[in-house]
PDB file of N, CA and C in Angstrom:
ATOM      1  N   MET A   1       0.791  -1.121  -0.031  1.00  0.00           N
ATOM      2  CA  MET A   1      -0.156   0.032   0.315  1.00  0.00           C
ATOM      3  C   MET A   1       0.971   1.301   0.035  1.00  0.00           C
ATOM      4  N   LYS A   2       0.648   2.315  -0.895  1.00  0.00           N
ATOM      5  CA  LYS A   2       1.302   3.625  -0.618  1.00  0.00           C
ATOM      6  C   LYS A   2       0.862   4.348   0.356  1.00  0.00           C
ATOM      7  N   GLN A   3       1.555   4.915   0.922  1.00  0.00           N
ATOM      8  CA  GLN A   3       0.986   5.724   2.443  1.00  0.00           C
ATOM      9  C   GLN A   3       1.104   6.965   1.668  1.00  0.00           C
ATOM     10  N   ASP A   4      -0.573   7.411   1.618  1.00  0.00           N
ATOM     11  CA  ASP A   4      -0.817   8.935   1.243  1.00  0.00           C
ATOM     12  C   ASP A   4      -0.616   9.742   2.269  1.00  0.00           C
ATOM     13  N   ARG A   5      -0.168  11.061   1.363  1.00  0.00           N
ATOM     14  CA  ARG A   5       0.238  11.859   2.944  1.00  0.00           C
ATOM     15  C   ARG A   5      -1.257  12.568   2.887  1.00  0.00           C
ATOM     16  N   ILE A   6      -1.295  13.083   4.116  1.00  0.00           N
ATOM     17  CA  ILE A   6      -2.856  13.856   4.388  1.00  0.00           C
ATOM     18  C   ILE A   6      -2.433  15.387   4.279  1.00  0.00           C
ATOM     19  N   THR A   7      -2.723  16.046   3.425  1.00  0.00           N
ATOM     20  CA  THR A   7      -2.629  17.432   2.638  1.00  0.00           C
ATOM     21  C   THR A   7      -3.869  18.377   3.053  1.00  0.00           C
ATOM     22  N   PRO A   8      -3.789  19.654   3.455  1.00  0.00           N
ATOM     23  CA  PRO A   8      -4.980  20.483   3.791  1.00  0.00           C
ATOM     24  C   PRO A   8      -5.739  20.309   2.218  1.00  0.00           C
ATOM     25  N   ALA A   9      -7.003  20.596   2.370  1.00  0.00           N
ATOM     26  CA  ALA A   9      -7.528  21.055   1.143  1.00  0.00           C
ATOM     27  C   ALA A   9      -8.778  21.627   1.535  1.00  0.00           C
ATOM     28  N   LYS A  10     -10.008  21.770   0.601  1.00  0.00           N
ATOM     29  CA  LYS A  10     -11.008  22.641   1.052  1.00  0.00           C
ATOM     30  C   LYS A  10     -11.683  21.784   1.893  1.00  0.00           C
ATOM     31  N   ARG A  11     -12.479  22.918   2.989  1.00  0.00           N
ATOM     32  CA  ARG A  11     -13.144  22.076   3.737  1.00  0.00           C
ATOM     33  C   ARG A  11     -14.766  21.492   3.585  1.00  0.00           C
ATOM     34  N   ARG A  12     -15.210  20.579   3.912  1.00  0.00           N
ATOM     35  CA  ARG A  12     -16.495  19.723   3.653  1.00  0.00           C
ATOM     36  C   ARG A  12     -17.144  19.862   4.891  1.00  0.00           C
ATOM     37  N   PRO A  13     -18.551  20.283   4.917  1.00  0.00           N
ATOM     38  CA  PRO A  13     -19.412  20.224   6.201  1.00  0.00           C
ATOM     39  C   PRO A  13     -19.695  18.761   6.412  1.00  0.00           C
ATOM     40  N   VAL A  14     -19.343  18.300   7.565  1.00  0.00           N
ATOM     41  CA  VAL A  14     -20.057  17.003   7.973  1.00  0.00           C
ATOM     42  C   VAL A  14     -20.954  16.851   9.512  1.00  0.00           C
ATOM     43  N   ASN A  15     -21.602  15.988   9.285  1.00  0.00           N
ATOM     44  CA  ASN A  15     -22.157  15.606  10.722  1.00  0.00           C
ATOM     45  C   ASN A  15     -21.786  14.641  11.696  1.00  0.00           C
ATOM     46  N   LEU A  16     -21.184  15.247  12.980  1.00  0.00           N
ATOM     47  CA  LEU A  16     -20.757  14.348  13.506  1.00  0.00           C
ATOM     48  C   LEU A  16     -21.904  14.470  15.146  1.00  0.00           C
ATOM     49  N   SER A  17     -21.886  13.250  15.361  1.00  0.00           N
ATOM     50  CA  SER A  17     -22.251  12.801  16.722  1.00  0.00           C
ATOM     51  C   SER A  17     -21.657  13.051  17.756  1.00  0.00           C
ATOM     52  N   LEU A  18     -21.537  13.604  19.155  1.00  0.00           N
ATOM     53  CA  LEU A  18     -20.728  13.836  19.881  1.00  0.00           C
ATOM     54  C   LEU A  18     -21.498  14.146  21.369  1.00  0.00           C
ATOM     55  N   ASP A  19     -20.761  13.878  22.470  1.00  0.00           N
ATOM     56  CA  ASP A  19     -21.671  13.861  23.555  1.00  0.00           C
ATOM     57  C   ASP A  19     -21.803  15.411  23.991  1.00  0.00           C
ATOM     58  N   THR A  20     -23.159  15.424  24.352  1.00  0.00           N
ATOM     59  CA  THR A  20     -23.543  17.058  24.362  1.00  0.00           C
ATOM     60  C   THR A  20     -22.656  17.439  25.532  1.00  0.00           C
ATOM     61  N   GLY A  21     -22.106  16.778  26.604  1.00  0.00           N
ATOM     62  CA  GLY A  21     -21.272  17.310  27.997  1.00  0.00           C
ATOM     63  C   GLY A  21     -20.228  17.752  27.432  1.00  0.00           C
ATOM     64  N   ILE A  22     -19.516  16.731  26.642  1.00  0.00           N
ATOM     65  CA  ILE A  22     -18.256  17.307  25.906  1.00  0.00           C
ATOM     66  C   ILE A  22     -18.455  18.679  25.197  1.00  0.00           C
ATOM     67  N   VAL A  23     -19.371  18.593  24.090  1.00  0.00           N
ATOM     68  CA  VAL A  23     -19.325  19.999  23.655  1.00  0.00           C
ATOM     69  C   VAL A  23     -19.615  20.945  24.244  1.00  0.00           C
ATOM     70  N   ALA A  24     -20.287  21.225  25.554  1.00  0.00           N
ATOM     71  CA  ALA A  24     -20.601  21.872  26.422  1.00  0.00           C
ATOM     72  C   ALA A  24     -19.463  22.357  26.923  1.00  0.00           C
ATOM     73  N   ALA A  25     -18.766  21.708  26.983  1.00  0.00           N
ATOM     74  CA  ALA A  25     -17.604  21.956  28.204  1.00  0.00           C
ATOM     75  C   ALA A  25     -16.417  22.368  27.217  1.00  0.00           C
ATOM     76  N   ALA A  26     -16.308  22.305  26.035  1.00  0.00           N
ATOM     77  CA  ALA A  26     -15.183  22.533  24.964  1.00  0.00           C
ATOM     78  C   ALA A  26     -15.743  23.757  24.685  1.00  0.00           C
ATOM     79  N   ARG A  27     -17.045  24.193  24.168  1.00  0.00           N
ATOM     80  CA  ARG A  27     -17.130  25.384  24.024  1.00  0.00           C
ATOM     81  C   ARG A  27     -17.221  26.580  25.208  1.00  0.00           C
ATOM     82  N   GLU A  28     -17.528  26.237  26.214  1.00  0.00           N
ATOM     83  CA  GLU A  28     -17.254  26.940  27.620  1.00  0.00           C
ATOM     84  C   GLU A  28     -15.440  27.054  27.777  1.00  0.00           C
ATOM     85  N   VAL A  29     -14.786  26.682  27.460  1.00  0.00           N
ATOM     86  CA  VAL A  29     -13.440  26.875  27.214  1.00  0.00           C
ATOM     87  C   VAL A  29     -12.893  27.582  26.207  1.00  0.00           C
ATOM     88  N   GLY A  30     -13.741  27.450  25.006  1.00  0.00           N
ATOM     89  CA  GLY A  30     -12.943  28.278  23.838  1.00  0.00           C
ATOM     90  C   GLY A  30     -12.660  27.719  23.015  1.00  0.00           C
ATOM     91  N   ILE A  31     -12.655  26.012  22.755  1.00  0.00           N
ATOM     92  CA  ILE A  31     -12.054  24.884  22.090  1.00  0.00           C
ATOM     93  C   ILE A  31     -12.689  25.124  20.707  1.00  0.00           C
ATOM     94  N   ASN A  32     -12.045  25.237  19.606  1.00  0.00           N
ATOM     95  CA  ASN A  32     -12.985  24.773  18.187  1.00  0.00           C
ATOM     96  C   ASN A  32     -13.013  23.500  17.798  1.00  0.00           C
ATOM     97  N   LEU A  33     -14.151  23.045  17.866  1.00  0.00           N
ATOM     98  CA  LEU A  33     -14.420  21.698  18.029  1.00  0.00           C
ATOM     99  C   LEU A  33     -14.117  21.175  16.581  1.00  0.00           C
ATOM    100  N   SER A  34     -13.996  21.959  15.472  1.00  0.00           N
ATOM    101  CA  SER A  34     -13.755  21.373  14.487  1.00  0.00           C
ATOM    102  C   SER A  34     -12.200  21.383  14.138  1.00  0.00           C
ATOM    103  N   GLN A  35     -11.446  22.230  14.693  1.00  0.00           N
ATOM    104  CA  GLN A  35      -9.825  21.993  14.396  1.00  0.00           C
ATOM    105  C   GLN A  35      -9.371  21.087  15.259  1.00  0.00           C
ATOM    106  N   VAL A  36     -10.009  20.542  16.356  1.00  0.00           N
ATOM    107  CA  VAL A  36      -9.853  19.703  17.625  1.00  0.00           C
ATOM    108  C   VAL A  36     -10.323  18.293  16.665  1.00  0.00           C
ATOM    109  N   SER A  37     -11.378  18.125  16.010  1.00  0.00           N
ATOM    110  CA  SER A  37     -11.841  17.018  15.607  1.00  0.00           C
ATOM    111  C   SER A  37     -10.961  16.685  14.306  1.00  0.00           C
ATOM    112  N   GLU A  38     -10.631  17.623  13.219  1.00  0.00           N
ATOM    113  CA  GLU A  38      -9.472  17.395  12.014  1.00  0.00           C
ATOM    114  C   GLU A  38      -8.493  16.950  12.876  1.00  0.00           C
ATOM    115  N   ALA A  39      -7.820  17.247  13.836  1.00  0.00           N
ATOM    116  CA  ALA A  39      -6.489  17.123  14.300  1.00  0.00           C
ATOM    117  C   ALA A  39      -6.563  15.562  14.513  1.00  0.00           C
ATOM    118  N   ALA A  40      -7.369  15.372  15.465  1.00  0.00           N
ATOM    119  CA  ALA A  40      -7.605  14.080  15.886  1.00  0.00           C
ATOM    120  C   ALA A  40      -7.794  13.153  14.644  1.00  0.00           C
ATOM    121  N   ILE A  41      -8.564  13.132  13.881  1.00  0.00           N
ATOM    122  CA  ILE A  41      -9.076  11.984  12.856  1.00  0.00           C
ATOM    123  C   ILE A  41      -7.934  11.899  11.805  1.00  0.00           C
ATOM    124  N   ARG A  42      -6.793  13.436  11.610  1.00  0.00           N
ATOM    125  CA  ARG A  42      -5.635  13.396  10.754  1.00  0.00           C
ATOM    126  C   ARG A  42      -4.764  12.538  11.878  1.00  0.00           C
ATOM    127  N   THR A  43      -4.845  12.393  13.225  1.00  0.00           N
ATOM    128  CA  THR A  43      -3.701  11.382  13.716  1.00  0.00           C
ATOM    129  C   THR A  43      -4.378   9.859  13.619  1.00  0.00           C
ATOM    130  N   ALA A  44      -5.424   9.730  13.972  1.00  0.00           N
ATOM    131  CA  ALA A  44      -6.011   8.724  13.871  1.00  0.00           C
ATOM    132  C   ALA A  44      -5.661   7.885  12.471  1.00  0.00           C
ATOM    133  N   THR A  45      -5.714   8.567  11.501  1.00  0.00           N
ATOM    134  CA  THR A  45      -5.547   7.985   9.941  1.00  0.00           C
ATOM    135  C   THR A  45      -4.268   8.004   9.654  1.00  0.00           C
ATOM    136  N   ARG A  46      -3.165   8.670  10.101  1.00  0.00           N
ATOM    137  CA  ARG A  46      -1.887   8.579   9.968  1.00  0.00           C
ATOM    138  C   ARG A  46      -1.571   7.322  10.534  1.00  0.00           C
ATOM    139  N   LYS A  47      -1.889   6.924  11.922  1.00  0.00           N
ATOM    140  CA  LYS A  47      -1.616   5.958  12.508  1.00  0.00           C
ATOM    141  C   LYS A  47      -2.001   4.636  11.897  1.00  0.00           C
ATOM    142  N   GLU A  48      -3.206   4.718  11.599  1.00  0.00           N
ATOM    143  CA  GLU A  48      -3.754   3.494  10.975  1.00  0.00           C
ATOM    144  C   GLU A  48      -3.028   2.987   9.504  1.00  0.00           C
ATOM    145  N   GLN A  49      -2.758   4.222   8.844  1.00  0.00           N
ATOM    146  CA  GLN A  49      -1.661   3.765   7.470  1.00  0.00           C
ATOM    147  C   GLN A  49      -0.328   3.355   7.798  1.00  0.00           C
ATOM    148  N   GLU A  50      -0.066   3.609   8.808  1.00  0.00           N
ATOM    149  CA  GLU A  50       1.633   3.281   9.369  1.00  0.00           C
ATOM    150  C   GLU A  50       0.997   1.904   9.945  1.00  0.00           C
ATOM    151  N   ARG A  51      -0.039   1.417  10.691  1.00  0.00           N
ATOM    152  CA  ARG A  51      -0.284   0.181  11.084  1.00  0.00           C
ATOM    153  C   ARG A  51      -0.416  -0.728   9.983  1.00  0.00           C
ATOM    154  N   ARG A  52      -0.836  -0.074   8.740  1.00  0.00           N
ATOM    155  CA  ARG A  52      -1.408  -1.065   7.352  1.00  0.00           C
ATOM    156  C   ARG A  52      -0.019  -1.342   6.721  1.00  0.00           C
ATOM    157  N   TRP A  53       0.573  -0.374   6.736  1.00  0.00           N
ATOM    158  CA  TRP A  53       2.100  -0.467   6.128  1.00  0.00           C
ATOM    159  C   TRP A  53       2.864  -1.480   6.540  1.00  0.00           C
ATOM    160  N   GLN A  54       2.945  -1.479   8.036  1.00  0.00           N
ATOM    161  CA  GLN A  54       3.712  -2.279   9.046  1.00  0.00           C
ATOM    162  C   GLN A  54       3.117  -3.865   8.701  1.00  0.00           C
ATOM    163  N   GLU A  55       1.799  -4.209   8.794  1.00  0.00           N
ATOM    164  CA  GLU A  55       1.254  -5.166   8.514  1.00  0.00           C
ATOM    165  C   GLU A  55       1.471  -6.020   6.967  1.00  0.00           C
ATOM    166  N   GLU A  56       1.650  -4.826   6.200  1.00  0.00           N
ATOM    167  CA  GLU A  56       1.688  -5.659   4.582  1.00  0.00           C
ATOM    168  C   GLU A  56       3.166  -5.341   4.257  1.00  0.00           C
ATOM    169  N   ASN A  57       4.097  -5.037   5.091  1.00  0.00           N
ATOM    170  CA  ASN A  57       5.456  -5.331   4.771  1.00  0.00           C
ATOM    171  C   ASN A  57       6.167  -6.181   5.933  1.00  0.00           C
ATOM    172  N   ARG A  58       5.753  -6.546   6.711  1.00  0.00           N
ATOM    173  CA  ARG A  58       6.063  -7.587   7.713  1.00  0.00           C
ATOM    174  C   ARG A  58       6.733  -8.675   7.239  1.00  0.00           C
ATOM    175  N   ALA A  59       6.290  -9.242   6.455  1.00  0.00           N
ATOM    176  CA  ALA A  59       7.306 -10.643   5.905  1.00  0.00           C
ATOM    177  C   ALA A  59       8.698 -10.091   5.514  1.00  0.00           C
ATOM    178  N   ALA A  60       8.615  -9.161   4.547  1.00  0.00           N
ATOM    179  CA  ALA A  60       9.820  -8.528   3.979  1.00  0.00           C
ATOM    180  C   ALA A  60      10.830  -8.155   5.405  1.00  0.00           C
ATOM    181  N   MET A  61      10.258  -7.238   6.328  1.00  0.00           N
ATOM    182  CA  MET A  61      11.289  -6.681   7.062  1.00  0.00           C
ATOM    183  C   MET A  61      11.565  -7.925   7.707  1.00  0.00           C
ATOM    184  N   GLU A  62      10.648  -8.943   8.404  1.00  0.00           N
ATOM    185  CA  GLU A  62      11.303  -9.943   9.189  1.00  0.00           C
ATOM    186  C   GLU A  62      12.280 -10.960   7.916  1.00  0.00           C
ATOM    187  N   SER A  63      12.227 -10.954   7.045  1.00  0.00           N
ATOM    188  CA  SER A  63      12.971 -11.712   6.109  1.00  0.00           C
ATOM    189  C   SER A  63      14.592 -10.937   6.067  1.00  0.00           C
ATOM    190  N   SER A  64      14.360  -9.387   6.206  1.00  0.00           N
ATOM    191  CA  SER A  64      15.739  -8.627   5.995  1.00  0.00           C
ATOM    192  C   SER A  64      16.308  -8.756   7.564  1.00  0.00           C
ATOM    193  N   ASN A  65      15.393  -8.987   8.536  1.00  0.00           N
ATOM    194  CA  ASN A  65      16.287  -9.050   9.888  1.00  0.00           C
ATOM    195  C   ASN A  65      16.901 -10.279   9.979  1.00  0.00           C
ATOM    196  N   ALA A  66      16.268 -11.493   9.476  1.00  0.00           N
ATOM    197  CA  ALA A  66      16.816 -12.823   9.422  1.00  0.00           C
ATOM    198  C   ALA A  66      17.775 -12.767   8.702  1.00  0.00           C
ATOM    199  N   TRP A  67      18.051 -12.349   7.570  1.00  0.00           N
ATOM    200  CA  TRP A  67      19.595 -12.221   6.751  1.00  0.00           C
ATOM    201  C   TRP A  67      20.411 -11.550   7.272  1.00  0.00           C
ATOM    202  N   VAL A  68      20.199 -10.535   8.196  1.00  0.00           N
ATOM    203  CA  VAL A  68      21.299  -9.729   9.062  1.00  0.00           C
ATOM    204  C   VAL A  68      21.517 -10.262  10.182  1.00  0.00           C
ATOM    205  N   GLU A  69      20.644 -11.301  10.741  1.00  0.00           N
ATOM    206  CA  GLU A  69      21.232 -12.145  11.794  1.00  0.00           C
ATOM    207  C   GLU A  69      21.883 -13.252  11.422  1.00  0.00           C
ATOM    208  N   LYS A  70      21.658 -13.673  10.210  1.00  0.00           N
ATOM    209  CA  LYS A  70      22.806 -14.963   9.698  1.00  0.00           C
ATOM    210  C   LYS A  70      23.990 -14.205   8.989  1.00  0.00           C
ATOM    211  N   ASN A  71      24.120 -13.340   8.301  1.00  0.00           N
ATOM    212  CA  ASN A  71      25.218 -12.830   7.856  1.00  0.00           C
ATOM    213  C   ASN A  71      25.709 -11.574   8.184  1.00  0.00           C
ATOM    214  N   GLY A  72      25.144 -10.606   9.071  1.00  0.00           N
ATOM    215  CA  GLY A  72      25.706  -9.580   9.447  1.00  0.00           C
ATOM    216  C   GLY A  72      25.153  -8.560   8.584  1.00  0.00           C
ATOM    217  N   LEU A  73      25.697  -7.378   9.345  1.00  0.00           N
ATOM    218  CA  LEU A  73      25.243  -5.889   8.335  1.00  0.00           C
ATOM    219  C   LEU A  73      26.344  -5.889   6.952  1.00  0.00           C
ATOM    220  N   PRO A  74      25.519  -5.606   5.765  1.00  0.00           N
ATOM    221  CA  PRO A  74      26.427  -5.265   4.806  1.00  0.00           C
ATOM    222  C   PRO A  74      27.318  -3.934   5.299  1.00  0.00           C
ATOM    223  N   PHE A  75      28.766  -4.292   4.760  1.00  0.00           N
ATOM    224  CA  PHE A  75      29.525  -3.208   4.965  1.00  0.00           C
ATOM    225  C   PHE A  75      30.168  -2.926   6.158  1.00  0.00           C
ATOM    226  N   ALA A  76      29.878  -3.896   7.088  1.00  0.00           N
ATOM    227  CA  ALA A  76      30.238  -3.581   8.730  1.00  0.00           C
ATOM    228  C   ALA A  76      31.671  -3.132   8.976  1.00  0.00           C
ATOM    229  N   LYS A  77      32.648  -3.977   7.818  1.00  0.00           N
ATOM    230  CA  LYS A  77      34.078  -3.673   7.964  1.00  0.00           C
ATOM    231  C   LYS A  77      34.290  -2.208   7.793  1.00  0.00           C
ATOM    232  N   TYR A  78      33.296  -1.585   7.205  1.00  0.00           N
ATOM    233  CA  TYR A  78      33.598  -0.129   7.030  1.00  0.00           C
ATOM    234  C   TYR A  78      33.253   0.960   7.759  1.00  0.00           C
ATOM    235  N   ARG A  79      32.546   0.456   8.994  1.00  0.00           N
ATOM    236  CA  ARG A  79      31.808   1.249   9.729  1.00  0.00           C
ATOM    237  C   ARG A  79      32.843   2.019  10.743  1.00  0.00           C
ATOM    238  N   MET A  80      32.590   2.992  11.196  1.00  0.00           N
ATOM    239  CA  MET A  80      33.425   3.745  12.028  1.00  0.00           C
ATOM    240  C   MET A  80      33.387   3.753  13.439  1.00  0.00           C
ATOM    241  N   PHE A  81      32.332   3.053  13.681  1.00  0.00           N
ATOM    242  CA  PHE A  81      32.023   3.166  15.403  1.00  0.00           C
ATOM    243  C   PHE A  81      31.872   1.776  15.791  1.00  0.00           C
TER     244      PHE A  81
END
């Protein structure tokens, strides 16, 4: 899966159902619900994209790690540390 970047774009109105107590408390302290919701959705989306990428590439990473365990790091003799 190609990991897509989430870039800012035009705004689109959507309907969300939120706990009325949370909405009231947020408004009372001046929190912008749209901005907070967008940031949380962006974070959750990126986290899920990363999880899916790791799952889809697990076999390749395990294979690479097994090769290094068996053969050592390529060019290890040139390392300065």
